[in-house]
């Protein structure tokens, strides 16, 4: 492995460990919360993610403005150059 590849692998491993730790904390919290619950929710309710609510009105307009501002700041030519160089 090149030094760059080694650094990328170390960084990825650190990221993966952080995600695993977060997952474990969430699992512990959920276990404790369910242990204190008077009625256990159905398994289906726990497994199926809640549907997101559709955005309307001012919130939808604000989010679209934010997206448009982000897209204006992106310089696609720099991204394409970096991809061609293998970064």
Protein backbone atom coordinates (compact mmCIF):
# COMPACT_ATOMS: atom_id res chain seq x y z
CA UNK A 1 0.00 0.00 0.00
CA UNK A 2 1.14 3.50 -0.72
CA UNK A 3 1.32 6.02 2.11
CA UNK A 4 -1.81 7.72 0.75
CA UNK A 5 -3.72 4.43 0.68
CA UNK A 6 -2.52 3.60 4.19
CA UNK A 7 -3.69 6.97 5.49
CA UNK A 8 -7.07 6.52 3.78
CA UNK A 9 -7.46 3.04 5.30
CA UNK A 10 -6.62 4.35 8.80
CA UNK A 11 -9.06 7.22 8.39
CA UNK A 12 -11.79 4.85 7.18
CA UNK A 13 -11.18 2.51 10.12
CA UNK A 14 -11.51 5.41 12.56
CA UNK A 15 -14.74 6.49 10.91
CA UNK A 16 -16.09 2.93 11.05
CA UNK A 17 -15.22 2.61 14.77
CA UNK A 18 -16.97 5.92 15.50
CA UNK A 19 -20.11 4.73 13.70
CA UNK A 20 -20.05 1.45 15.62
CA UNK A 21 -19.74 3.29 18.93
CA UNK A 22 -22.68 5.54 18.06
CA UNK A 23 -24.73 2.51 17.07
CA UNK A 24 -23.92 0.81 20.37
CA UNK A 25 -24.95 3.90 22.37
CA UNK A 26 -28.26 4.12 20.50
CA UNK A 27 -28.85 0.40 21.05
CA UNK A 28 -28.18 0.75 24.80
CA UNK A 29 -30.52 3.73 25.02
CA UNK A 30 -33.29 1.94 23.15
CA UNK A 31 -32.89 -1.16 25.32
CA UNK A 32 -33.18 0.90 28.49
CA UNK A 33 -36.17 2.83 27.14
CA UNK A 34 -37.99 -0.36 26.15
CA UNK A 35 -37.27 -1.93 29.53
CA UNK A 36 -39.06 0.99 31.22
CA UNK A 37 -42.02 1.01 28.82
CA UNK A 38 -45.38 -0.07 30.22
CA UNK A 39 -46.51 -1.36 26.82
CA UNK A 40 -44.11 -2.69 24.27
CA UNK A 41 -44.65 -1.19 20.80
CA UNK A 42 -45.19 -3.63 17.94
CA UNK A 43 -42.09 -4.98 16.26
CA UNK A 44 -43.32 -3.65 12.92
CA UNK A 45 -43.48 -0.12 14.36
CA UNK A 46 -39.91 -0.46 15.62
CA UNK A 47 -38.52 -1.89 12.39
CA UNK A 48 -40.26 0.28 9.80
CA UNK A 49 -38.86 3.81 9.75
CA UNK A 50 -41.33 6.63 10.20
CA UNK A 51 -42.32 8.32 6.96
CA UNK A 52 -41.08 11.83 6.56
CA UNK A 53 -43.70 14.50 6.32
CA UNK A 54 -43.94 16.42 3.05
CA UNK A 55 -42.61 19.96 3.21
CA UNK A 56 -45.00 22.79 2.49
CA UNK A 57 -45.10 26.54 2.29
CA UNK A 58 -42.26 28.59 3.72
CA UNK A 59 -40.26 25.59 4.94
CA UNK A 60 -40.24 24.10 1.44
CA UNK A 61 -39.22 27.44 -0.08
CA UNK A 62 -36.43 27.89 2.50
CA UNK A 63 -35.03 24.42 1.85
CA UNK A 64 -35.08 24.99 -1.90
CA UNK A 65 -33.23 28.30 -1.45
CA UNK A 66 -30.61 26.57 0.69
CA UNK A 67 -30.17 23.84 -1.93
CA UNK A 68 -29.84 26.40 -4.71
CA UNK A 69 -27.23 28.36 -2.71
CA UNK A 70 -25.20 25.19 -2.14
CA UNK A 71 -25.35 24.27 -5.81
CA UNK A 72 -24.13 27.74 -6.77
CA UNK A 73 -21.05 27.29 -4.55
CA UNK A 74 -20.08 23.95 -6.08
CA UNK A 75 -17.44 24.22 -8.77
CA UNK A 76 -17.97 21.10 -10.88
CA UNK A 77 -14.79 21.67 -12.88
CA UNK A 78 -12.67 21.31 -9.71
CA UNK A 79 -14.49 18.11 -8.79
CA UNK A 80 -13.96 16.67 -12.26
CA UNK A 81 -10.26 17.56 -12.17
CA UNK A 82 -9.83 15.89 -8.78
CA UNK A 83 -11.59 12.74 -10.01
CA UNK A 84 -9.34 12.60 -13.06
CA UNK A 85 -6.25 12.93 -10.86
CA UNK A 86 -7.47 10.14 -8.60
CA UNK A 87 -8.05 12.17 -5.44
